Amino acid sequence: MDIDGIISAIVIGIVIGVLGRLVVPGRQRIGVLWTIGVGILAALIGSWVAAAFDVADTNGVDWVEWLIQIGLAALGVAALDRSRSRPRR
């Protein structure tokens, strides 16, 4: 992966992470860096899932791929928030 691919993955990850965080209701107790990390991971996994179902490369905007990525980011943000909000003993 070249530098353009890395930069675009980070930018797309930021967008996906923020959109995923907006989908989850309520206040999330995770930071910006965790949101970006979840977004990057969701973007990569979502691209792989979309390619596996052959909906990744279409003419125009890949809406199905975006929805998969945002859904995965929302799941990731919710799971990370749930794991961090447990009471400490």
Foldseek 3Di string as FASTA:
>chain_A
DDPVVVVVLQVQLLVLLVLLVVVADDDFPDDSVQSSVLSSVLLVVLLVVCVVVVQNDDPDDSVSSSVSSSPSSNVSRVVVRVVVPDDDD
